[in-house]
Amino acid sequence: LVQAGDSLRLSCAASGRTFRSLTMGWFRQAPGKEREF
């Protein structure tokens, strides 16, 4: 939970497959909305 104008850094740790072979992405889903790229 942050205030408008603030910053956050999200992290995603991957395992199970060679990381370098993967395209990585972030998506988000707001309440009442579809998941978006």
PDB file of all heavy atoms in Angstrom:
ATOM      1  N   LEU A   1       0.853  -1.188   0.000  1.00  0.00           N
ATOM      2  CA  LEU A   1       0.000   0.000   0.000  1.00  0.00           C
ATOM      3  C   LEU A   1       0.883   1.231   0.000  1.00  0.00           C
ATOM      4  O   LEU A   1       1.723   1.403   0.895  1.00  0.00           O
ATOM      5  CB  LEU A   1      -0.910  -0.009   1.229  1.00  0.00           C
ATOM      6  CG  LEU A   1      -1.749   1.240   1.472  1.00  0.00           C
ATOM      7  CD1 LEU A   1      -2.728   1.459   0.327  1.00  0.00           C
ATOM      8  CD2 LEU A   1      -2.479   1.123   2.805  1.00  0.00           C
ATOM      9  N   VAL A   2       0.704   2.080  -0.997  1.00  0.00           N
ATOM     10  CA  VAL A   2       1.510   3.287  -1.127  1.00  0.00           C
ATOM     11  C   VAL A   2       0.626   4.464  -1.487  1.00  0.00           C
ATOM     12  O   VAL A   2      -0.530   4.305  -1.884  1.00  0.00           O
ATOM     13  CB  VAL A   2       2.615   3.134  -2.188  1.00  0.00           C
ATOM     14  CG1 VAL A   2       3.582   2.023  -1.812  1.00  0.00           C
ATOM     15  CG2 VAL A   2       2.013   2.878  -3.567  1.00  0.00           C
ATOM     16  N   GLN A   3       1.192   5.648  -1.357  1.00  0.00           N
ATOM     17  CA  GLN A   3       0.515   6.874  -1.744  1.00  0.00           C
ATOM     18  C   GLN A   3       0.776   7.183  -3.212  1.00  0.00           C
ATOM     19  O   GLN A   3       1.795   6.778  -3.778  1.00  0.00           O
ATOM     20  CB  GLN A   3       0.996   8.042  -0.896  1.00  0.00           C
ATOM     21  CG  GLN A   3       0.731   7.913   0.587  1.00  0.00           C
ATOM     22  CD  GLN A   3      -0.693   8.263   0.953  1.00  0.00           C
ATOM     23  OE1 GLN A   3      -1.390   8.924   0.187  1.00  0.00           O
ATOM     24  NE2 GLN A   3      -1.127   7.830   2.126  1.00  0.00           N
ATOM     25  N   ALA A   4      -0.138   7.893  -3.833  1.00  0.00           N
ATOM     26  CA  ALA A   4       0.069   8.346  -5.199  1.00  0.00           C
ATOM     27  C   ALA A   4       1.385   9.105  -5.304  1.00  0.00           C
ATOM     28  O   ALA A   4       1.716   9.925  -4.442  1.00  0.00           O
ATOM     29  CB  ALA A   4      -1.093   9.221  -5.658  1.00  0.00           C
ATOM     30  N   GLY A   5       2.133   8.812  -6.355  1.00  0.00           N
ATOM     31  CA  GLY A   5       3.431   9.415  -6.556  1.00  0.00           C
ATOM     32  C   GLY A   5       4.591   8.603  -6.012  1.00  0.00           C
ATOM     33  O   GLY A   5       5.747   8.880  -6.349  1.00  0.00           O
ATOM     34  N   ASP A   6       4.296   7.618  -5.189  1.00  0.00           N
ATOM     35  CA  ASP A   6       5.338   6.771  -4.621  1.00  0.00           C
ATOM     36  C   ASP A   6       5.809   5.725  -5.627  1.00  0.00           C
ATOM     37  O   ASP A   6       5.276   5.609  -6.732  1.00  0.00           O
ATOM     38  CB  ASP A   6       4.832   6.080  -3.359  1.00  0.00           C
ATOM     39  CG  ASP A   6       4.744   7.008  -2.171  1.00  0.00           C
ATOM     40  OD1 ASP A   6       5.212   8.162  -2.264  1.00  0.00           O
ATOM     41  OD2 ASP A   6       4.196   6.580  -1.137  1.00  0.00           O
ATOM     42  N   SER A   7       6.788   4.949  -5.216  1.00  0.00           N
ATOM     43  CA  SER A   7       7.365   3.910  -6.056  1.00  0.00           C
ATOM     44  C   SER A   7       7.349   2.568  -5.351  1.00  0.00           C
ATOM     45  O   SER A   7       7.381   2.494  -4.118  1.00  0.00           O
ATOM     46  CB  SER A   7       8.811   4.251  -6.429  1.00  0.00           C
ATOM     47  OG  SER A   7       8.891   5.439  -7.191  1.00  0.00           O
ATOM     48  N   LEU A   8       7.302   1.520  -6.138  1.00  0.00           N
ATOM     49  CA  LEU A   8       7.451   0.158  -5.672  1.00  0.00           C
ATOM     50  C   LEU A   8       8.272  -0.611  -6.688  1.00  0.00           C
ATOM     51  O   LEU A   8       8.248  -0.291  -7.879  1.00  0.00           O
ATOM     52  CB  LEU A   8       6.102  -0.546  -5.515  1.00  0.00           C
ATOM     53  CG  LEU A   8       5.236  -0.233  -4.307  1.00  0.00           C
ATOM     54  CD1 LEU A   8       3.880  -0.921  -4.469  1.00  0.00           C
ATOM     55  CD2 LEU A   8       5.901  -0.684  -3.025  1.00  0.00           C
ATOM     56  N   ARG A   9       8.969  -1.622  -6.225  1.00  0.00           N
ATOM     57  CA  ARG A   9       9.624  -2.543  -7.132  1.00  0.00           C
ATOM     58  C   ARG A   9       9.123  -3.945  -6.861  1.00  0.00           C
ATOM     59  O   ARG A   9       9.320  -4.490  -5.771  1.00  0.00           O
ATOM     60  CB  ARG A   9      11.149  -2.508  -7.002  1.00  0.00           C
ATOM     61  CG  ARG A   9      11.825  -3.320  -8.115  1.00  0.00           C
ATOM     62  CD  ARG A   9      13.326  -3.178  -8.141  1.00  0.00           C
ATOM     63  NE  ARG A   9      13.976  -4.001  -7.135  1.00  0.00           N
ATOM     64  CZ  ARG A   9      15.232  -4.421  -7.211  1.00  0.00           C
ATOM     65  NH1 ARG A   9      15.983  -4.080  -8.267  1.00  0.00           N
ATOM     66  NH2 ARG A   9      15.750  -5.141  -6.240  1.00  0.00           N
ATOM     67  N   LEU A  10       8.485  -4.518  -7.855  1.00  0.00           N
ATOM     68  CA  LEU A  10       8.013  -5.884  -7.765  1.00  0.00           C
ATOM     69  C   LEU A  10       9.109  -6.835  -8.230  1.00  0.00           C
ATOM     70  O   LEU A  10       9.866  -6.522  -9.145  1.00  0.00           O
ATOM     71  CB  LEU A  10       6.766  -6.091  -8.621  1.00  0.00           C
ATOM     72  CG  LEU A  10       5.595  -5.138  -8.377  1.00  0.00           C
ATOM     73  CD1 LEU A  10       4.420  -5.533  -9.256  1.00  0.00           C
ATOM     74  CD2 LEU A  10       5.200  -5.128  -6.907  1.00  0.00           C
ATOM     75  N   SER A  11       9.169  -7.989  -7.606  1.00  0.00           N
ATOM     76  CA  SER A  11      10.114  -9.019  -7.985  1.00  0.00           C
ATOM     77  C   SER A  11       9.371 -10.301  -8.300  1.00  0.00           C
ATOM     78  O   SER A  11       8.318 -10.583  -7.729  1.00  0.00           O
ATOM     79  CB  SER A  11      11.117  -9.288  -6.861  1.00  0.00           C
ATOM     80  OG  SER A  11      11.877  -8.140  -6.561  1.00  0.00           O
ATOM     81  N   CYS A  12       9.925 -11.074  -9.202  1.00  0.00           N
ATOM     82  CA  CYS A  12       9.364 -12.365  -9.562  1.00  0.00           C
ATOM     83  C   CYS A  12      10.503 -13.358  -9.680  1.00  0.00           C
ATOM     84  O   CYS A  12      11.349 -13.229 -10.570  1.00  0.00           O
ATOM     85  CB  CYS A  12       8.592 -12.272 -10.874  1.00  0.00           C
ATOM     86  SG  CYS A  12       7.999 -13.850 -11.503  1.00  0.00           S
ATOM     87  N   ALA A  13      10.526 -14.316  -8.786  1.00  0.00           N
ATOM     88  CA  ALA A  13      11.544 -15.355  -8.791  1.00  0.00           C
ATOM     89  C   ALA A  13      11.026 -16.567  -9.554  1.00  0.00           C
ATOM     90  O   ALA A  13       9.928 -17.056  -9.280  1.00  0.00           O
ATOM     91  CB  ALA A  13      11.914 -15.740  -7.367  1.00  0.00           C
ATOM     92  N   ALA A  14      11.814 -17.039 -10.488  1.00  0.00           N
ATOM     93  CA  ALA A  14      11.425 -18.157 -11.337  1.00  0.00           C
ATOM     94  C   ALA A  14      12.267 -19.383 -11.036  1.00  0.00           C
ATOM     95  O   ALA A  14      13.450 -19.280 -10.716  1.00  0.00           O
ATOM     96  CB  ALA A  14      11.575 -17.784 -12.811  1.00  0.00           C
ATOM     97  N   SER A  15      11.648 -20.529 -11.162  1.00  0.00           N
ATOM     98  CA  SER A  15      12.357 -21.787 -10.996  1.00  0.00           C
ATOM     99  C   SER A  15      11.703 -22.848 -11.867  1.00  0.00           C
ATOM    100  O   SER A  15      10.565 -22.686 -12.309  1.00  0.00           O
ATOM    101  CB  SER A  15      12.368 -22.234  -9.537  1.00  0.00           C
ATOM    102  OG  SER A  15      11.052 -22.475  -9.072  1.00  0.00           O
ATOM    103  N   GLY A  16      12.426 -23.924 -12.100  1.00  0.00           N
ATOM    104  CA  GLY A  16      11.875 -25.062 -12.815  1.00  0.00           C
ATOM    105  C   GLY A  16      12.262 -25.164 -14.280  1.00  0.00           C
ATOM    106  O   GLY A  16      12.108 -26.220 -14.875  1.00  0.00           O
ATOM    107  N   ARG A  17      12.746 -24.082 -14.846  1.00  0.00           N
ATOM    108  CA  ARG A  17      13.139 -24.073 -16.244  1.00  0.00           C
ATOM    109  C   ARG A  17      14.235 -23.044 -16.436  1.00  0.00           C
ATOM    110  O   ARG A  17      14.289 -22.062 -15.696  1.00  0.00           O
ATOM    111  CB  ARG A  17      11.940 -23.773 -17.141  1.00  0.00           C
ATOM    112  CG  ARG A  17      12.196 -23.939 -18.628  1.00  0.00           C
ATOM    113  CD  ARG A  17      10.901 -23.860 -19.411  1.00  0.00           C
ATOM    114  NE  ARG A  17      11.103 -24.049 -20.830  1.00  0.00           N
ATOM    115  CZ  ARG A  17      10.133 -24.162 -21.725  1.00  0.00           C
ATOM    116  NH1 ARG A  17       8.867 -24.121 -21.342  1.00  0.00           N
ATOM    117  NH2 ARG A  17      10.423 -24.327 -23.007  1.00  0.00           N
ATOM    118  N   THR A  18      15.049 -23.268 -17.421  1.00  0.00           N
ATOM    119  CA  THR A  18      16.139 -22.337 -17.689  1.00  0.00           C
ATOM    120  C   THR A  18      15.592 -20.933 -17.870  1.00  0.00           C
ATOM    121  O   THR A  18      14.839 -20.658 -18.805  1.00  0.00           O
ATOM    122  CB  THR A  18      16.925 -22.768 -18.921  1.00  0.00           C
ATOM    123  OG1 THR A  18      17.428 -24.089 -18.734  1.00  0.00           O
ATOM    124  CG2 THR A  18      18.092 -21.817 -19.165  1.00  0.00           C
ATOM    125  N   PHE A  19      15.985 -20.035 -16.970  1.00  0.00           N
ATOM    126  CA  PHE A  19      15.426 -18.698 -16.953  1.00  0.00           C
ATOM    127  C   PHE A  19      15.709 -17.946 -18.241  1.00  0.00           C
ATOM    128  O   PHE A  19      14.852 -17.218 -18.749  1.00  0.00           O
ATOM    129  CB  PHE A  19      15.962 -17.929 -15.741  1.00  0.00           C
ATOM    130  CG  PHE A  19      15.359 -16.571 -15.563  1.00  0.00           C
ATOM    131  CD1 PHE A  19      14.061 -16.423 -15.127  1.00  0.00           C
ATOM    132  CD2 PHE A  19      16.107 -15.430 -15.820  1.00  0.00           C
ATOM    133  CE1 PHE A  19      13.501 -15.165 -14.945  1.00  0.00           C
ATOM    134  CE2 PHE A  19      15.570 -14.172 -15.646  1.00  0.00           C
ATOM    135  CZ  PHE A  19      14.260 -14.039 -15.207  1.00  0.00           C
ATOM    136  N   ARG A  20      16.905 -18.116 -18.763  1.00  0.00           N
ATOM    137  CA  ARG A  20      17.287 -17.372 -19.954  1.00  0.00           C
ATOM    138  C   ARG A  20      16.474 -17.753 -21.173  1.00  0.00           C
ATOM    139  O   ARG A  20      16.450 -16.997 -22.148  1.00  0.00           O
ATOM    140  CB  ARG A  20      18.779 -17.570 -20.245  1.00  0.00           C
ATOM    141  CG  ARG A  20      19.706 -16.902 -19.248  1.00  0.00           C
ATOM    142  CD  ARG A  20      21.160 -17.169 -19.597  1.00  0.00           C
ATOM    143  NE  ARG A  20      21.485 -18.587 -19.497  1.00  0.00           N
ATOM    144  CZ  ARG A  20      22.641 -19.124 -19.846  1.00  0.00           C
ATOM    145  NH1 ARG A  20      23.613 -18.348 -20.329  1.00  0.00           N
ATOM    146  NH2 ARG A  20      22.848 -20.419 -19.715  1.00  0.00           N
ATOM    147  N   SER A  21      15.815 -18.887 -21.134  1.00  0.00           N
ATOM    148  CA  SER A  21      15.015 -19.334 -22.258  1.00  0.00           C
ATOM    149  C   SER A  21      13.603 -18.767 -22.240  1.00  0.00           C
ATOM    150  O   SER A  21      12.817 -19.044 -23.156  1.00  0.00           O
ATOM    151  CB  SER A  21      14.941 -20.861 -22.277  1.00  0.00           C
ATOM    152  OG  SER A  21      14.129 -21.345 -21.226  1.00  0.00           O
ATOM    153  N   LEU A  22      13.264 -17.987 -21.229  1.00  0.00           N
ATOM    154  CA  LEU A  22      11.903 -17.521 -21.030  1.00  0.00           C
ATOM    155  C   LEU A  22      11.740 -16.049 -21.370  1.00  0.00           C
ATOM    156  O   LEU A  22      12.599 -15.231 -21.043  1.00  0.00           O
ATOM    157  CB  LEU A  22      11.464 -17.734 -19.583  1.00  0.00           C
ATOM    158  CG  LEU A  22      11.468 -19.169 -19.071  1.00  0.00           C
ATOM    159  CD1 LEU A  22      11.202 -19.177 -17.579  1.00  0.00           C
ATOM    160  CD2 LEU A  22      10.430 -19.997 -19.807  1.00  0.00           C
ATOM    161  N   THR A  23      10.639 -15.741 -22.009  1.00  0.00           N
ATOM    162  CA  THR A  23      10.161 -14.376 -22.049  1.00  0.00           C
ATOM    163  C   THR A  23       9.351 -14.130 -20.774  1.00  0.00           C
ATOM    164  O   THR A  23       8.478 -14.926 -20.422  1.00  0.00           O
ATOM    165  CB  THR A  23       9.287 -14.126 -23.275  1.00  0.00           C
ATOM    166  OG1 THR A  23      10.078 -14.286 -24.459  1.00  0.00           O
ATOM    167  CG2 THR A  23       8.711 -12.720 -23.259  1.00  0.00           C
ATOM    168  N   MET A  24       9.651 -13.058 -20.086  1.00  0.00           N
ATOM    169  CA  MET A  24       8.996 -12.740 -18.826  1.00  0.00           C
ATOM    170  C   MET A  24       8.096 -11.534 -19.006  1.00  0.00           C
ATOM    171  O   MET A  24       8.418 -10.600 -19.748  1.00  0.00           O
ATOM    172  CB  MET A  24      10.015 -12.462 -17.735  1.00  0.00           C
ATOM    173  CG  MET A  24      11.025 -13.580 -17.520  1.00  0.00           C
ATOM    174  SD  MET A  24      10.255 -15.136 -16.986  1.00  0.00           S
ATOM    175  CE  MET A  24       9.509 -14.619 -15.434  1.00  0.00           C
ATOM    176  N   GLY A  25       6.985 -11.551 -18.305  1.00  0.00           N
ATOM    177  CA  GLY A  25       6.052 -10.450 -18.414  1.00  0.00           C
ATOM    178  C   GLY A  25       5.348 -10.155 -17.117  1.00  0.00           C
ATOM    179  O   GLY A  25       5.364 -10.949 -16.172  1.00  0.00           O
ATOM    180  N   TRP A  26       4.747  -8.985 -17.088  1.00  0.00           N
ATOM    181  CA  TRP A  26       3.909  -8.567 -15.973  1.00  0.00           C
ATOM    182  C   TRP A  26       2.527  -8.209 -16.502  1.00  0.00           C
ATOM    183  O   TRP A  26       2.404  -7.516 -17.521  1.00  0.00           O
ATOM    184  CB  TRP A  26       4.487  -7.368 -15.236  1.00  0.00           C
ATOM    185  CG  TRP A  26       5.712  -7.667 -14.428  1.00  0.00           C
ATOM    186  CD1 TRP A  26       7.005  -7.514 -14.798  1.00  0.00           C
ATOM    187  CD2 TRP A  26       5.729  -8.178 -13.092  1.00  0.00           C
ATOM    188  NE1 TRP A  26       7.846  -7.891 -13.785  1.00  0.00           N
ATOM    189  CE2 TRP A  26       7.083  -8.302 -12.719  1.00  0.00           C
ATOM    190  CE3 TRP A  26       4.747  -8.533 -12.175  1.00  0.00           C
ATOM    191  CZ2 TRP A  26       7.479  -8.775 -11.466  1.00  0.00           C
ATOM    192  CZ3 TRP A  26       5.131  -9.011 -10.934  1.00  0.00           C
ATOM    193  CH2 TRP A  26       6.482  -9.123 -10.593  1.00  0.00           C
ATOM    194  N   PHE A  27       1.521  -8.676 -15.802  1.00  0.00           N
ATOM    195  CA  PHE A  27       0.135  -8.340 -16.072  1.00  0.00           C
ATOM    196  C   PHE A  27      -0.496  -7.838 -14.783  1.00  0.00           C
ATOM    197  O   PHE A  27       0.054  -8.028 -13.698  1.00  0.00           O
ATOM    198  CB  PHE A  27      -0.629  -9.557 -16.598  1.00  0.00           C
ATOM    199  CG  PHE A  27      -0.191 -10.016 -17.960  1.00  0.00           C
ATOM    200  CD1 PHE A  27       1.010 -10.679 -18.136  1.00  0.00           C
ATOM    201  CD2 PHE A  27      -0.995  -9.789 -19.067  1.00  0.00           C
ATOM    202  CE1 PHE A  27       1.420 -11.107 -19.384  1.00  0.00           C
ATOM    203  CE2 PHE A  27      -0.604 -10.217 -20.329  1.00  0.00           C
ATOM    204  CZ  PHE A  27       0.603 -10.873 -20.488  1.00  0.00           C
ATOM    205  N   ARG A  28      -1.639  -7.207 -14.909  1.00  0.00           N
ATOM    206  CA  ARG A  28      -2.339  -6.756 -13.716  1.00  0.00           C
ATOM    207  C   ARG A  28      -3.840  -6.884 -13.913  1.00  0.00           C
ATOM    208  O   ARG A  28      -4.337  -6.859 -15.034  1.00  0.00           O
ATOM    209  CB  ARG A  28      -1.975  -5.317 -13.359  1.00  0.00           C
ATOM    210  CG  ARG A  28      -2.445  -4.268 -14.354  1.00  0.00           C
ATOM    211  CD  ARG A  28      -1.891  -2.897 -13.991  1.00  0.00           C
ATOM    212  NE  ARG A  28      -2.391  -1.855 -14.870  1.00  0.00           N
ATOM    213  CZ  ARG A  28      -1.990  -0.594 -14.828  1.00  0.00           C
ATOM    214  NH1 ARG A  28      -1.074  -0.211 -13.933  1.00  0.00           N
ATOM    215  NH2 ARG A  28      -2.496   0.298 -15.663  1.00  0.00           N
ATOM    216  N   GLN A  29      -4.530  -7.014 -12.805  1.00  0.00           N
ATOM    217  CA  GLN A  29      -5.977  -7.116 -12.832  1.00  0.00           C
ATOM    218  C   GLN A  29      -6.550  -6.277 -11.699  1.00  0.00           C
ATOM    219  O   GLN A  29      -6.319  -6.570 -10.527  1.00  0.00           O
ATOM    220  CB  GLN A  29      -6.438  -8.565 -12.709  1.00  0.00           C
ATOM    221  CG  GLN A  29      -7.931  -8.742 -12.895  1.00  0.00           C
ATOM    222  CD  GLN A  29      -8.319 -10.194 -13.082  1.00  0.00           C
ATOM    223  OE1 GLN A  29      -7.585 -11.102 -12.706  1.00  0.00           O
ATOM    224  NE2 GLN A  29      -9.476 -10.426 -13.684  1.00  0.00           N
ATOM    225  N   ALA A  30      -7.284  -5.246 -12.071  1.00  0.00           N
ATOM    226  CA  ALA A  30      -7.932  -4.376 -11.108  1.00  0.00           C
ATOM    227  C   ALA A  30      -9.318  -4.915 -10.784  1.00  0.00           C
ATOM    228  O   ALA A  30      -9.904  -5.670 -11.566  1.00  0.00           O
ATOM    229  CB  ALA A  30      -8.032  -2.960 -11.661  1.00  0.00           C
ATOM    230  N   PRO A  31      -9.870  -4.525  -9.642  1.00  0.00           N
ATOM    231  CA  PRO A  31     -11.214  -4.988  -9.289  1.00  0.00           C
ATOM    232  C   PRO A  31     -12.226  -4.663 -10.375  1.00  0.00           C
ATOM    233  O   PRO A  31     -12.301  -3.526 -10.850  1.00  0.00           O
ATOM    234  CB  PRO A  31     -11.518  -4.227  -8.002  1.00  0.00           C
ATOM    235  CG  PRO A  31     -10.181  -3.942  -7.411  1.00  0.00           C
ATOM    236  CD  PRO A  31      -9.282  -3.685  -8.587  1.00  0.00           C
ATOM    237  N   GLY A  32     -12.990  -5.661 -10.777  1.00  0.00           N
ATOM    238  CA  GLY A  32     -14.018  -5.471 -11.778  1.00  0.00           C
ATOM    239  C   GLY A  32     -13.526  -5.357 -13.204  1.00  0.00           C
ATOM    240  O   GLY A  32     -14.335  -5.093 -14.100  1.00  0.00           O
ATOM    241  N   LYS A  33     -12.244  -5.552 -13.434  1.00  0.00           N
ATOM    242  CA  LYS A  33     -11.683  -5.427 -14.767  1.00  0.00           C
ATOM    243  C   LYS A  33     -10.977  -6.711 -15.175  1.00  0.00           C
ATOM    244  O   LYS A  33     -10.642  -7.548 -14.348  1.00  0.00           O
ATOM    245  CB  LYS A  33     -10.701  -4.255 -14.834  1.00  0.00           C
ATOM    246  CG  LYS A  33     -11.308  -2.905 -14.516  1.00  0.00           C
ATOM    247  CD  LYS A  33     -10.295  -1.785 -14.634  1.00  0.00           C
ATOM    248  CE  LYS A  33      -9.840  -1.592 -16.066  1.00  0.00           C
ATOM    249  NZ  LYS A  33      -8.924  -0.424 -16.195  1.00  0.00           N
ATOM    250  N   GLU A  34     -10.758  -6.849 -16.468  1.00  0.00           N
ATOM    251  CA  GLU A  34     -10.033  -7.993 -16.984  1.00  0.00           C
ATOM    252  C   GLU A  34      -8.539  -7.821 -16.754  1.00  0.00           C
ATOM    253  O   GLU A  34      -8.034  -6.713 -16.597  1.00  0.00           O
ATOM    254  CB  GLU A  34     -10.309  -8.170 -18.480  1.00  0.00           C
ATOM    255  CG  GLU A  34     -11.747  -8.498 -18.811  1.00  0.00           C
ATOM    256  CD  GLU A  34     -11.950  -8.726 -20.291  1.00  0.00           C
ATOM    257  OE1 GLU A  34     -11.030  -8.448 -21.080  1.00  0.00           O
ATOM    258  OE2 GLU A  34     -13.036  -9.193 -20.668  1.00  0.00           O
ATOM    259  N   ARG A  35      -7.846  -8.940 -16.761  1.00  0.00           N
ATOM    260  CA  ARG A  35      -6.402  -8.897 -16.661  1.00  0.00           C
ATOM    261  C   ARG A  35      -5.826  -8.216 -17.900  1.00  0.00           C
ATOM    262  O   ARG A  35      -6.242  -8.492 -19.025  1.00  0.00           O
ATOM    263  CB  ARG A  35      -5.844 -10.306 -16.515  1.00  0.00           C
ATOM    264  CG  ARG A  35      -4.353 -10.362 -16.252  1.00  0.00           C
ATOM    265  CD  ARG A  35      -3.898 -11.786 -15.943  1.00  0.00           C
ATOM    266  NE  ARG A  35      -4.523 -12.301 -14.733  1.00  0.00           N
ATOM    267  CZ  ARG A  35      -4.218 -13.473 -14.190  1.00  0.00           C
ATOM    268  NH1 ARG A  35      -3.293 -14.248 -14.742  1.00  0.00           N
ATOM    269  NH2 ARG A  35      -4.845 -13.867 -13.091  1.00  0.00           N
ATOM    270  N   GLU A  36      -4.871  -7.324 -17.694  1.00  0.00           N
ATOM    271  CA  GLU A  36      -4.293  -6.587 -18.797  1.00  0.00           C
ATOM    272  C   GLU A  36      -2.775  -6.676 -18.785  1.00  0.00           C
ATOM    273  O   GLU A  36      -2.141  -6.813 -17.742  1.00  0.00           O
ATOM    274  CB  GLU A  36      -4.732  -5.119 -18.766  1.00  0.00           C
ATOM    275  CG  GLU A  36      -4.241  -4.349 -17.557  1.00  0.00           C
ATOM    276  CD  GLU A  36      -4.648  -2.885 -17.588  1.00  0.00           C
ATOM    277  OE1 GLU A  36      -5.080  -2.397 -18.649  1.00  0.00           O
ATOM    278  OE2 GLU A  36      -4.530  -2.217 -16.531  1.00  0.00           O
ATOM    279  N   PHE A  37      -2.228  -6.561 -19.964  1.00  0.00           N
ATOM    280  CA  PHE A  37      -0.786  -6.581 -20.146  1.00  0.00           C
ATOM    281  C   PHE A  37      -0.165  -5.309 -19.593  1.00  0.00           C
ATOM    282  O   PHE A  37      -0.692  -4.213 -19.782  1.00  0.00           O
ATOM    283  CB  PHE A  37      -0.467  -6.722 -21.634  1.00  0.00           C
ATOM    284  CG  PHE A  37       0.960  -6.467 -21.988  1.00  0.00           C
ATOM    285  CD1 PHE A  37       1.924  -7.441 -21.781  1.00  0.00           C
ATOM    286  CD2 PHE A  37       1.345  -5.262 -22.533  1.00  0.00           C
ATOM    287  CE1 PHE A  37       3.250  -7.217 -22.115  1.00  0.00           C
ATOM    288  CE2 PHE A  37       2.658  -5.019 -22.874  1.00  0.00           C
ATOM    289  CZ  PHE A  37       3.612  -6.004 -22.657  1.00  0.00           C
TER     290      PHE A  37
END
